[in-house]
């Protein structure tokens, strides 16, 4: 079959208390730390769960693309499985702008996305403070720690202990436990991701490679030390394929707790270390260690399509890569030529896995791609819990294409991996692919391109570029017709090696960084001002100290 050459680059980017009687009280002690669930707590939830799976709940999310799409798939399956139930969906964000040049599809959110996130958070705050709100929340942009401390989110440890049908051994427990906040589990991560470090073996000598592989945990500073000699003789390769703002973000997260402590409500940007970090990243840029900054057009238009996709021939000594990219790197035949890239990968022909980026205290962090919480004032907590549990179950996580990241459910990870390798998972995804049988529309899309309940997306094509042709659609259909549910020997080898790597790296995870969308917006604004030259490092640090501490004191 003729190999297809599509690239998808999606900027989509990209878890005691609370069996309360409806008055908003929580089983938290005086300092906001959750007490361990008592047997009385557990028995109360057991009685509620014994009432059966029935009734109606509402699920709220901010993201209108992948999260809502996944939830739509889940609702259809859940209501079919439990006929006496009704799940309502609410989403807040606008559909992103979709731009295509016939070969590449790029998606980005609108310019006022930060403002809309803050509006959604404010609206959710008001509802929860009034004892209202959805029964289940997708924790995509919400500051869940505030709701946990206020007794507005349930401590899911109680449900896990009360539900005889729930076995924590079915899930990756270290991922769930890393999400604990003040001893309570207020969010249930159902899918997760993390970055690992790879290096280009062609740019290092044997002794240098052995030195890199002697360890599997590194800070960015250690990697730069290991790569200096290779960089000096490389003749143009960069140390990392990241622009200054992304390099800063990676190094900042490496020691996030040094600057922002959500639990203690303290900010620490004014002791000189933050300003020094900014200066260090700028120095890396000046030395050619990292990529140049990506400038947006001054007329407010979108950057060139080339700004969204990987440059195949660029060489980087080290790559910070998402674990979500690993399988496509190992197995390129299962996705009918459609691949998702992120910038900073460059040429991958000689890549080898080095290991994890860690913080100075040994923190190895992950991020959830989806997580859910239960409103303490829900009128049907039993149904809410059953739905959250269903979202994390094997059935749901192996039947929907629209979930990003690795399933926290162990069996789902194994089965989903098999389906990805054989291509079986993509049978239902064909309509989502540019030039596919559905003309590039998401699964479940309306004839005009809208998913149910959403406004019409804006679609633009590059001038002078033809839309995907019939030959391309025939290629895709030919691939789909040839998909087998059984793995051949080569695919089995990929499956075994992939799971070995994923399990080895996933087992190292020990940290989830509790963040706040508003704080992140404040940091982004000041850091960008530094890299754009409108503020010095000291001025940016001083502004952040004032603004972040003021917000934390509210």
Protein backbone atom coordinates (compact mmCIF):
# COMPACT_ATOMS: atom_id res chain seq x y z
CA UNK A 1 0.00 0.00 0.00
CA UNK A 2 1.20 3.41 -0.83
CA UNK A 3 2.51 5.15 2.29
CA UNK A 4 0.55 8.21 3.31
CA UNK A 5 2.37 11.30 4.39
CA UNK A 6 -0.03 13.19 6.62
CA UNK A 7 1.08 14.90 9.78
CA UNK A 8 -1.33 15.93 12.49
CA UNK A 9 -0.02 18.57 14.85
CA UNK A 10 -2.66 19.30 17.45
CA UNK A 11 -2.12 22.13 19.89
CA UNK A 12 -5.03 20.90 21.91
CA UNK A 13 -3.96 21.49 23.58
CA UNK A 14 -2.05 18.35 24.32
CA UNK A 15 -8.38 12.71 42.15
CA UNK A 16 -12.04 11.44 55.80
CA UNK A 17 -13.97 13.64 53.87
CA UNK A 18 -16.97 14.45 52.22
CA UNK A 19 -19.75 12.08 52.70
CA UNK A 20 -21.29 15.33 53.78
CA UNK A 21 -24.98 15.73 54.44
CA UNK A 22 -25.38 18.45 51.85
CA UNK A 23 -24.27 21.35 54.08
CA UNK A 24 -20.78 21.65 52.60
CA UNK A 25 -18.99 20.35 55.73
CA UNK A 26 -16.01 18.08 55.20
CA UNK A 27 -14.17 15.59 57.34
CA UNK A 28 -11.10 17.80 57.24
CA UNK A 29 -9.36 18.78 60.43
CA UNK A 30 -8.55 22.30 61.50
CA UNK A 31 -5.56 22.76 59.19
CA UNK A 32 -7.36 21.62 56.08
CA UNK A 33 -5.83 18.14 56.07
CA UNK A 34 -8.21 15.27 55.36
CA UNK A 35 -8.73 12.76 58.13
CA UNK A 36 -8.42 9.09 57.22
CA UNK A 37 -11.84 7.68 56.26
CA UNK A 38 -13.55 6.12 59.26
CA UNK A 39 -15.52 2.89 59.15
CA UNK A 40 -18.65 5.00 59.67
CA UNK A 41 -17.77 7.03 56.53
CA UNK A 42 -17.29 3.86 54.53
CA UNK A 43 -20.52 2.23 55.76
CA UNK A 44 -22.49 5.37 54.84
CA UNK A 45 -21.20 5.25 51.26
CA UNK A 46 -21.82 1.50 51.11
CA UNK A 47 -25.50 2.11 51.90
CA UNK A 48 -25.68 4.76 49.20
CA UNK A 49 -24.00 2.55 46.62
CA UNK A 50 -26.38 -0.29 47.52
CA UNK A 51 -29.22 1.81 46.15
CA UNK A 52 -28.30 0.82 42.62
CA UNK A 53 -27.17 2.65 39.51
CA UNK A 54 -30.00 4.92 38.51
CA UNK A 55 -30.99 8.56 38.22
CA UNK A 56 -29.54 11.64 36.58
CA UNK A 57 -26.32 13.62 36.98
CA UNK A 58 -24.52 16.43 35.18
CA UNK A 59 -20.85 16.35 34.20
CA UNK A 60 -19.00 19.61 33.58
CA UNK A 61 -15.77 20.19 31.68
CA UNK A 62 -13.97 23.19 30.26
CA UNK A 63 -12.45 21.55 27.19
CA UNK A 64 -14.85 21.24 24.29
CA UNK A 65 -12.69 19.08 22.06
CA UNK A 66 -11.02 15.94 23.40
CA UNK A 67 -12.55 15.87 26.91
CA UNK A 68 -16.10 16.45 25.73
CA UNK A 69 -15.61 14.01 22.87
CA UNK A 70 -14.43 11.31 25.27
CA UNK A 71 -17.34 12.06 27.61
CA UNK A 72 -19.81 11.83 24.74
CA UNK A 73 -18.47 8.37 23.93
CA UNK A 74 -18.70 7.41 27.63
CA UNK A 75 -22.26 8.67 28.05
CA UNK A 76 -23.48 6.62 25.09
CA UNK A 77 -21.91 3.43 26.45
CA UNK A 78 -22.91 4.10 30.09
CA UNK A 79 -26.55 4.88 29.36
CA UNK A 80 -26.78 1.79 27.15
CA UNK A 81 -25.30 -0.34 29.94
CA UNK A 82 -27.49 1.24 32.65
CA UNK A 83 -30.85 2.09 31.00
CA UNK A 84 -32.21 3.88 34.08
CA UNK A 85 -29.59 6.61 33.96
CA UNK A 86 -29.23 10.01 32.32
CA UNK A 87 -25.90 11.82 32.05
CA UNK A 88 -25.95 15.48 31.00
CA UNK A 89 -22.82 17.18 29.65
CA UNK A 90 -21.73 20.80 30.02
CA UNK A 91 -18.65 22.28 28.35
CA UNK A 92 -17.49 25.88 28.41
CA UNK A 93 -14.73 26.60 25.94
CA UNK A 94 -15.26 27.49 22.32
CA UNK A 95 -14.29 25.16 19.54
CA UNK A 96 -10.75 25.93 18.35
CA UNK A 97 -9.80 27.25 14.98
CA UNK A 98 -8.98 24.45 12.58
CA UNK A 99 -6.57 25.21 9.78
CA UNK A 100 -5.51 22.83 7.02
CA UNK A 101 -3.25 22.96 4.03
CA UNK A 102 -4.44 19.60 2.68
CA UNK A 103 -1.57 17.65 4.21
CA UNK A 104 -1.41 19.11 7.71
CA UNK A 105 -4.11 20.01 10.19
CA UNK A 106 -3.32 22.50 12.94
CA UNK A 107 -5.62 23.32 15.81
CA UNK A 108 -5.27 26.14 18.27
CA UNK A 109 -7.48 27.80 20.84
CA UNK A 110 -8.71 31.35 20.49
CA UNK A 111 -6.63 34.27 21.75
CA UNK A 112 -8.96 34.88 24.73
CA UNK A 113 -8.67 31.28 25.97
CA UNK A 114 -6.97 32.40 29.23
CA UNK A 115 -9.79 34.81 29.96
CA UNK A 116 -12.43 32.16 29.27
CA UNK A 117 -10.67 29.74 31.62
CA UNK A 118 -10.80 32.35 34.38
CA UNK A 119 -14.49 32.98 33.65
CA UNK A 120 -15.22 29.24 33.93
CA UNK A 121 -13.31 29.02 37.22
CA UNK A 122 -15.18 32.04 38.62
CA UNK A 123 -18.53 30.60 37.57
CA UNK A 124 -17.65 27.22 39.13
CA UNK A 125 -16.50 28.91 42.35
CA UNK A 126 -19.84 30.73 42.64
CA UNK A 127 -21.88 27.59 42.05
CA UNK A 128 -19.91 25.47 44.51
CA UNK A 129 -20.00 28.16 47.20
CA UNK A 130 -23.78 28.19 46.82
CA UNK A 131 -24.01 24.42 47.23
CA UNK A 132 -24.75 23.95 43.54
CA UNK A 133 -22.83 22.95 40.45
CA UNK A 134 -22.40 19.81 38.41
CA UNK A 135 -22.26 16.40 40.07
CA UNK A 136 -18.97 15.48 38.40
CA UNK A 137 -16.23 17.87 37.26
CA UNK A 138 -13.47 17.25 34.77
CA UNK A 139 -10.47 18.81 36.49
CA UNK A 140 -8.99 20.25 33.35
CA UNK A 141 -8.50 23.87 34.44
CA UNK A 142 -10.10 23.97 37.91
CA UNK A 143 -8.02 24.63 41.09
CA UNK A 144 -9.21 21.42 42.74
CA UNK A 145 -7.12 22.03 45.86
CA UNK A 146 -9.33 24.98 46.81
CA UNK A 147 -12.48 22.88 46.54
CA UNK A 148 -10.85 20.05 48.49
CA UNK A 149 -9.94 22.39 51.35
CA UNK A 150 -13.43 23.91 51.37
CA UNK A 151 -15.07 20.48 51.57
CA UNK A 152 -16.66 20.96 48.15
CA UNK A 153 -15.03 17.91 46.51
CA UNK A 154 -15.45 14.39 47.85
CA UNK A 155 -12.51 12.45 49.28
CA UNK A 156 -12.51 9.51 46.91
CA UNK A 157 -10.62 7.30 49.36
CA UNK A 158 -14.00 6.75 51.05
CA UNK A 159 -15.55 5.48 47.83
CA UNK A 160 -12.60 3.27 47.04
CA UNK A 161 -12.92 1.68 50.48
CA UNK A 162 -16.70 1.35 50.33
CA UNK A 163 -17.05 -0.04 46.81
CA UNK A 164 -16.56 -3.82 46.89
CA UNK A 165 -16.32 -3.76 43.10
CA UNK A 166 -13.30 -1.44 43.16
CA UNK A 167 -9.82 -2.96 43.38
CA UNK A 168 -6.90 -0.49 43.48
CA UNK A 169 -4.68 -3.27 42.11
CA UNK A 170 -6.46 -2.83 38.78
CA UNK A 171 -4.91 0.62 38.47
CA UNK A 172 -1.47 2.14 38.53
CA UNK A 173 -1.51 3.00 42.23
CA UNK A 174 1.55 5.26 42.28
CA UNK A 175 -0.09 7.54 39.72
CA UNK A 176 -3.27 7.80 41.79
CA UNK A 177 -1.41 8.28 45.08
CA UNK A 178 0.84 10.95 43.59
CA UNK A 179 -2.36 12.98 43.13
CA UNK A 180 -3.12 13.03 46.87
CA UNK A 181 -3.58 16.46 48.42
CA UNK A 182 -3.19 16.80 52.20
CA UNK A 183 -3.77 13.04 52.61
CA UNK A 184 -7.02 13.03 50.64
CA UNK A 185 -7.72 11.84 47.10
CA UNK A 186 -9.99 14.44 45.60
CA UNK A 187 -9.37 13.68 41.94
CA UNK A 188 -9.26 10.42 40.04
CA UNK A 189 -6.78 10.59 37.13
CA UNK A 190 -7.93 8.27 34.39
CA UNK A 191 -5.13 8.94 31.91
CA UNK A 192 -1.66 10.34 32.37
CA UNK A 193 1.47 11.44 30.60
CA UNK A 194 5.05 12.41 31.37
CA UNK A 195 8.17 13.38 29.50
CA UNK A 196 11.25 11.26 29.11
CA UNK A 197 14.68 12.12 27.74
CA UNK A 198 16.08 10.67 24.54
CA UNK A 199 19.43 11.37 22.94
CA UNK A 200 20.74 11.19 19.39
CA UNK A 201 23.27 8.34 19.45
CA UNK A 202 24.88 9.48 16.20
CA UNK A 203 26.17 12.65 17.90
CA UNK A 204 27.92 10.90 20.79
CA UNK A 205 30.92 8.61 20.99
CA UNK A 206 30.68 5.19 22.64
CA UNK A 207 32.21 6.39 25.92
CA UNK A 208 29.91 9.39 26.00
CA UNK A 209 26.88 7.19 25.41
CA UNK A 210 27.97 4.83 28.18
CA UNK A 211 28.28 7.80 30.51
CA UNK A 212 24.77 8.96 29.67
CA UNK A 213 23.33 5.46 30.08
CA UNK A 214 25.11 4.94 33.40
CA UNK A 215 22.18 6.70 35.01
CA UNK A 216 18.51 7.03 34.12
CA UNK A 217 17.62 10.19 36.04
CA UNK A 218 18.94 13.63 35.15
CA UNK A 219 18.42 17.32 35.65
CA UNK A 220 18.63 19.56 32.59
CA UNK A 221 21.88 21.01 33.91
CA UNK A 222 23.41 17.52 34.16
CA UNK A 223 22.41 16.76 30.58
CA UNK A 224 24.06 19.93 29.32
CA UNK A 225 27.26 18.93 31.10
CA UNK A 226 27.11 15.50 29.49
CA UNK A 227 26.58 17.00 26.05
CA UNK A 228 29.07 19.89 25.92
CA UNK A 229 31.84 18.03 24.11
CA UNK A 230 29.43 16.59 21.54
CA UNK A 231 27.85 20.01 21.06
CA UNK A 232 31.22 21.65 20.38
CA UNK A 233 32.07 19.22 17.58
CA UNK A 234 28.55 18.72 16.18
CA UNK A 235 28.76 21.46 13.60
CA UNK A 236 25.32 22.91 14.11
CA UNK A 237 23.28 20.53 16.24
CA UNK A 238 21.55 22.16 19.20
CA UNK A 239 21.57 20.80 22.74
CA UNK A 240 17.73 20.88 22.91
CA UNK A 241 15.11 21.61 20.28
CA UNK A 242 13.17 23.96 22.55
CA UNK A 243 12.68 27.71 22.22
CA UNK A 244 13.52 29.83 25.31
CA UNK A 245 10.01 29.94 26.78
CA UNK A 246 9.58 26.17 26.56
CA UNK A 247 13.08 25.50 27.86
CA UNK A 248 12.32 27.82 30.77
CA UNK A 249 9.01 26.03 31.46
CA UNK A 250 10.76 22.65 31.55
CA UNK A 251 13.49 23.85 33.89
CA UNK A 252 11.03 25.79 36.05
CA UNK A 253 8.85 22.70 36.54
CA UNK A 254 11.95 20.72 37.46
CA UNK A 255 11.94 22.64 40.78
CA UNK A 256 8.44 24.12 40.82
CA UNK A 257 8.00 23.71 44.59
CA UNK A 258 10.97 25.97 45.20
CA UNK A 259 9.02 28.90 43.79
CA UNK A 260 5.33 28.09 44.44
CA UNK A 261 4.02 26.09 47.42
CA UNK A 262 0.26 25.72 46.97
CA UNK A 263 -0.29 23.88 50.28
CA UNK A 264 1.55 26.52 52.35
CA UNK A 265 0.29 29.38 50.15
CA UNK A 266 3.74 30.86 49.68
CA UNK A 267 5.56 32.30 46.68
CA UNK A 268 9.33 32.59 46.49
CA UNK A 269 10.49 34.48 43.42
CA UNK A 270 12.63 37.14 45.09
CA UNK A 271 15.66 35.32 46.49
CA UNK A 272 17.56 35.59 43.22
CA UNK A 273 17.16 31.98 42.06
CA UNK A 274 14.22 32.69 39.75
CA UNK A 275 15.95 35.64 38.10
CA UNK A 276 19.06 33.51 37.71
CA UNK A 277 17.00 30.80 36.00
CA UNK A 278 15.69 33.31 33.47
CA UNK A 279 19.21 34.56 32.78
CA UNK A 280 20.48 30.98 32.42
CA UNK A 281 17.88 30.15 29.77
CA UNK A 282 18.74 33.35 27.91
CA UNK A 283 22.41 32.37 28.05
CA UNK A 284 21.55 28.94 26.63
CA UNK A 285 19.80 30.69 23.77
CA UNK A 286 22.74 32.98 23.11
CA UNK A 287 25.13 30.01 23.15
CA UNK A 288 23.02 28.17 20.60
CA UNK A 289 22.12 25.38 23.02
CA UNK A 290 18.40 25.79 22.33
CA UNK A 291 16.19 26.95 19.48
CA UNK A 292 15.34 30.52 18.71
CA UNK A 293 12.09 31.97 19.99
CA UNK A 294 9.03 31.44 17.79
CA UNK A 295 7.60 34.86 16.96
CA UNK A 296 3.91 35.29 16.26
CA UNK A 297 2.98 37.50 13.30
CA UNK A 298 2.43 41.10 14.36
CA UNK A 299 -0.86 41.27 12.47
CA UNK A 300 -2.44 38.76 14.88
CA UNK A 301 -2.70 35.98 12.30
CA UNK A 302 -1.66 32.42 12.97
CA UNK A 303 1.99 31.42 12.52
CA UNK A 304 2.99 29.54 9.39
CA UNK A 305 1.97 25.89 9.29
CA UNK A 306 5.66 25.06 9.41
CA UNK A 307 5.72 26.51 12.92
CA UNK A 308 3.50 23.67 14.10
CA UNK A 309 5.35 20.72 12.68
CA UNK A 310 8.65 19.00 13.16
CA UNK A 311 11.60 19.84 10.95
CA UNK A 312 12.77 16.41 9.91
CA UNK A 313 16.45 17.13 9.40
CA UNK A 314 17.27 19.23 12.48
CA UNK A 315 19.51 17.47 14.99
CA UNK A 316 19.31 17.86 18.76
CA UNK A 317 21.58 16.11 21.23
CA UNK A 318 18.76 15.65 23.72
CA UNK A 319 14.99 15.58 23.31
CA UNK A 320 12.37 15.98 26.00
CA UNK A 321 9.65 13.75 24.55
CA UNK A 322 6.15 12.89 25.66
CA UNK A 323 5.53 9.24 26.49
CA UNK A 324 2.54 9.60 24.16
CA UNK A 325 4.97 9.78 21.24
CA UNK A 326 6.83 6.57 22.10
CA UNK A 327 4.59 4.00 20.42
CA UNK A 328 4.43 5.83 17.11
CA UNK A 329 8.25 6.02 17.17
CA UNK A 330 8.49 2.26 17.67
CA UNK A 331 5.61 1.28 15.39
CA UNK A 332 4.89 3.53 12.41
CA UNK A 333 2.82 1.10 10.35
CA UNK A 334 -0.35 1.02 12.45
CA UNK A 335 -1.64 4.55 11.98
CA UNK A 336 -1.97 4.69 8.18
CA UNK A 337 0.69 7.35 7.97
CA UNK A 338 -0.99 9.75 10.38
CA UNK A 339 1.34 10.82 13.16
CA UNK A 340 1.27 13.44 15.87
CA UNK A 341 4.43 15.44 16.35
CA UNK A 342 5.51 18.14 18.72
CA UNK A 343 8.27 20.63 18.14
CA UNK A 344 11.69 19.86 19.57
CA UNK A 345 12.04 16.31 18.27
CA UNK A 346 13.89 16.86 15.02
CA UNK A 347 15.55 13.87 13.39
CA UNK A 348 14.65 10.71 15.36
CA UNK A 349 16.49 8.10 13.32
CA UNK A 350 19.17 7.45 15.96
CA UNK A 351 17.27 8.22 19.14
CA UNK A 352 17.88 6.18 22.28
CA UNK A 353 16.00 6.45 25.57
CA UNK A 354 18.04 7.92 28.39
CA UNK A 355 15.49 8.18 31.21
CA UNK A 356 13.64 10.66 33.41
CA UNK A 357 14.13 14.35 34.10
CA UNK A 358 14.04 14.81 37.88
CA UNK A 359 13.88 17.71 40.30
CA UNK A 360 16.69 18.44 42.72
CA UNK A 361 14.80 16.47 45.39
CA UNK A 362 14.28 13.45 43.14
CA UNK A 363 10.80 14.46 41.99
CA UNK A 364 9.65 12.58 38.91
CA UNK A 365 6.44 14.21 37.85
CA UNK A 366 3.50 13.27 35.71
CA UNK A 367 0.52 15.20 34.43
CA UNK A 368 -2.95 13.78 34.07
CA UNK A 369 -4.54 14.27 30.68
CA UNK A 370 -7.96 13.68 32.22
CA UNK A 371 -9.07 13.55 35.88
CA UNK A 372 -12.46 13.79 37.56
CA UNK A 373 -13.89 14.94 40.91
CA UNK A 374 -17.26 14.55 42.64
CA UNK A 375 -19.20 17.52 44.02
CA UNK A 376 -19.82 17.08 47.75
CA UNK A 377 -23.27 18.59 47.23
CA UNK A 378 -24.25 16.15 44.49
CA UNK A 379 -27.73 14.74 44.92
CA UNK A 380 -26.65 11.39 43.48
CA UNK A 381 -23.11 10.63 44.61
CA UNK A 382 -23.54 6.91 43.98
CA UNK A 383 -24.22 7.48 40.29
CA UNK A 384 -21.47 10.09 40.12
CA UNK A 385 -18.94 7.59 41.52
CA UNK A 386 -20.11 4.82 39.20
CA UNK A 387 -19.68 7.12 36.21
CA UNK A 388 -16.18 8.22 37.28
CA UNK A 389 -15.24 4.58 37.84
CA UNK A 390 -16.65 3.73 34.42
CA UNK A 391 -14.47 6.42 32.81
CA UNK A 392 -11.40 4.74 34.32
CA UNK A 393 -12.51 1.22 33.42
CA UNK A 394 -11.13 -1.15 30.84
CA UNK A 395 -14.26 -1.07 28.67
CA UNK A 396 -14.29 2.70 28.24
CA UNK A 397 -10.57 3.18 27.85
CA UNK A 398 -10.28 0.61 25.09
CA UNK A 399 -13.34 1.68 23.11
CA UNK A 400 -12.82 5.43 22.63
CA UNK A 401 -10.21 7.00 20.39
CA UNK A 402 -10.73 10.35 22.04
CA UNK A 403 -8.56 9.95 25.10
CA UNK A 404 -5.04 11.31 25.26
CA UNK A 405 -2.34 9.74 27.40
CA UNK A 406 -1.77 6.36 29.01
CA UNK A 407 -4.73 4.65 30.71
CA UNK A 408 -4.32 4.41 34.48
CA UNK A 409 -6.17 1.09 34.22
CA UNK A 410 -3.53 -1.62 33.79
CA UNK A 411 -5.55 -3.99 31.59
CA UNK A 412 -6.75 -1.10 29.49
CA UNK A 413 -3.16 -0.05 28.83
CA UNK A 414 -2.31 -3.54 27.60
CA UNK A 415 -5.39 -3.94 25.40
CA UNK A 416 -5.25 -0.40 24.03
CA UNK A 417 -1.59 -0.86 23.14
CA UNK A 418 -2.42 -4.02 21.23
CA UNK A 419 -5.21 -2.25 19.34
CA UNK A 420 -2.93 0.66 18.50
CA UNK A 421 -0.21 -1.62 17.17
CA UNK A 422 -2.54 -3.68 15.00
CA UNK A 423 -4.45 -0.59 13.92
CA UNK A 424 -7.75 -1.93 15.27
CA UNK A 425 -8.18 1.12 17.51
CA UNK A 426 -8.15 3.37 14.47
CA UNK A 427 -11.07 1.70 12.70
CA UNK A 428 -13.48 4.07 14.45
CA UNK A 429 -11.07 6.98 14.03
CA UNK A 430 -11.03 7.06 10.25
CA UNK A 431 -13.57 9.88 10.04
CA UNK A 432 -11.31 12.02 12.29
CA UNK A 433 -8.34 11.88 9.97
CA UNK A 434 -7.65 14.58 7.38
CA UNK A 435 -8.72 13.18 4.04
CA UNK A 436 -10.38 10.17 5.66
CA UNK A 437 -13.78 8.80 4.68
CA UNK A 438 -15.45 11.41 6.87
CA UNK A 439 -13.61 14.27 5.20
CA UNK A 440 -11.65 15.11 8.33
CA UNK A 441 -14.66 15.60 10.59
CA UNK A 442 -14.42 14.38 14.22
CA UNK A 443 -16.36 11.24 15.06
CA UNK A 444 -19.93 12.22 15.83
CA UNK A 445 -19.65 15.52 14.01
CA UNK A 446 -22.61 17.28 12.51
CA UNK A 447 -22.73 17.80 8.72
CA UNK A 448 -21.40 21.36 9.13
CA UNK A 449 -18.47 20.19 11.27
CA UNK A 450 -19.99 20.88 14.70
CA UNK A 451 -19.92 18.32 17.51
CA UNK A 452 -23.24 18.26 19.33
CA UNK A 453 -23.85 21.40 21.37
CA UNK A 454 -20.90 23.29 19.93
CA UNK A 455 -20.60 26.29 17.69
CA UNK A 456 -19.33 26.01 14.15
CA UNK A 457 -15.50 25.70 14.03
CA UNK A 458 -13.60 28.07 11.81
CA UNK A 459 -11.78 26.21 9.08
CA UNK A 460 -9.26 27.78 6.77
CA UNK A 461 -7.25 26.26 3.97
CA UNK A 462 -3.97 27.59 2.70
CA UNK A 463 -4.44 29.38 -0.64
CA UNK A 464 -3.55 27.34 -3.67
CA UNK A 465 -3.46 24.01 -1.83
CA UNK A 466 -5.71 21.20 -2.98
CA UNK A 467 -7.92 19.35 -0.54
CA UNK A 468 -7.11 15.63 0.08
CA UNK A 469 -8.00 13.69 -3.06
CA UNK A 470 -9.81 10.43 -3.82
CA UNK A 471 -6.54 8.50 -4.10
CA UNK A 472 -5.70 9.39 -0.54
CA UNK A 473 -9.08 8.23 0.68
CA UNK A 474 -8.64 4.95 -1.20
CA UNK A 475 -5.25 4.47 0.50
CA UNK A 476 -6.85 4.94 3.90
CA UNK A 477 -9.70 2.57 3.10
CA UNK A 478 -7.23 -0.02 1.82
CA UNK A 479 -5.36 0.20 5.11
CA UNK A 480 -8.55 -0.10 7.15
CA UNK A 481 -9.66 -3.15 5.16
CA UNK A 482 -6.35 -4.85 5.92
CA UNK A 483 -6.42 -4.40 9.70
CA UNK A 484 -6.22 -7.60 11.74
CA UNK A 485 -7.02 -7.95 15.45
CA UNK A 486 -4.11 -10.34 15.92
CA UNK A 487 -0.48 -9.25 16.19
CA UNK A 488 2.18 -10.79 14.01
CA UNK A 489 5.66 -11.61 15.37
CA UNK A 490 7.05 -8.14 14.61
CA UNK A 491 4.11 -6.41 16.24
CA UNK A 492 4.37 -8.70 19.29
CA UNK A 493 7.99 -7.66 19.71
CA UNK A 494 7.00 -3.99 19.57
CA UNK A 495 4.20 -4.65 22.09
CA UNK A 496 6.53 -6.38 24.58
CA UNK A 497 9.27 -3.74 24.34
CA UNK A 498 6.85 -0.82 24.49
CA UNK A 499 5.14 -2.10 27.65
CA UNK A 500 8.52 -2.83 29.23
CA UNK A 501 9.62 0.76 28.71
CA UNK A 502 6.29 2.30 29.74
CA UNK A 503 6.07 0.19 32.90
CA UNK A 504 9.67 0.88 33.86
CA UNK A 505 9.28 4.64 33.48
CA UNK A 506 5.73 4.80 34.90
CA UNK A 507 6.81 2.96 38.04
CA UNK A 508 9.27 5.79 38.75
CA UNK A 509 6.60 8.49 38.90
CA UNK A 510 6.26 9.95 42.39
CA UNK A 511 4.99 13.50 41.95
CA UNK A 512 2.04 15.44 40.67
CA UNK A 513 2.53 19.20 40.70
CA UNK A 514 -0.52 20.92 42.18
CA UNK A 515 -0.95 24.02 40.06
CA UNK A 516 -3.43 26.79 39.53
CA UNK A 517 -4.52 28.02 36.11
CA UNK A 518 -4.55 31.67 37.21
CA UNK A 519 -1.05 31.43 38.69
CA UNK A 520 0.17 29.82 35.48
CA UNK A 521 -1.30 32.69 33.47
CA UNK A 522 0.50 35.21 35.71
CA UNK A 523 3.81 33.39 35.30
CA UNK A 524 3.43 33.08 31.54
CA UNK A 525 2.78 36.80 31.18
CA UNK A 526 5.84 37.90 33.17
CA UNK A 527 8.17 35.33 31.65
CA UNK A 528 7.13 36.30 28.15
CA UNK A 529 7.80 39.95 29.04
CA UNK A 530 11.37 38.97 29.95
CA UNK A 531 12.02 36.99 26.79
CA UNK A 532 10.51 39.76 24.68
CA UNK A 533 12.88 42.24 26.30
CA UNK A 534 10.30 44.47 27.99
CA UNK A 535 11.34 43.47 31.53
CA UNK A 536 14.60 42.49 33.17
CA UNK A 537 14.91 39.19 35.04
CA UNK A 538 14.79 41.03 38.38
CA UNK A 539 11.73 43.04 37.33
CA UNK A 540 9.90 39.90 36.22
CA UNK A 541 10.78 38.13 39.49
CA UNK A 542 9.60 41.09 41.60
CA UNK A 543 6.32 41.34 39.69
CA UNK A 544 5.71 37.61 40.12
CA UNK A 545 6.42 37.73 43.85
CA UNK A 546 3.82 40.47 44.31
CA UNK A 547 1.14 39.07 42.00
CA UNK A 548 1.39 35.38 42.93
CA UNK A 549 1.60 36.00 46.69
CA UNK A 550 -1.36 38.38 46.49
CA UNK A 551 -3.39 35.70 44.70
CA UNK A 552 -2.36 33.00 47.19
CA UNK A 553 -3.40 35.26 50.08
CA UNK A 554 -6.94 35.69 48.74
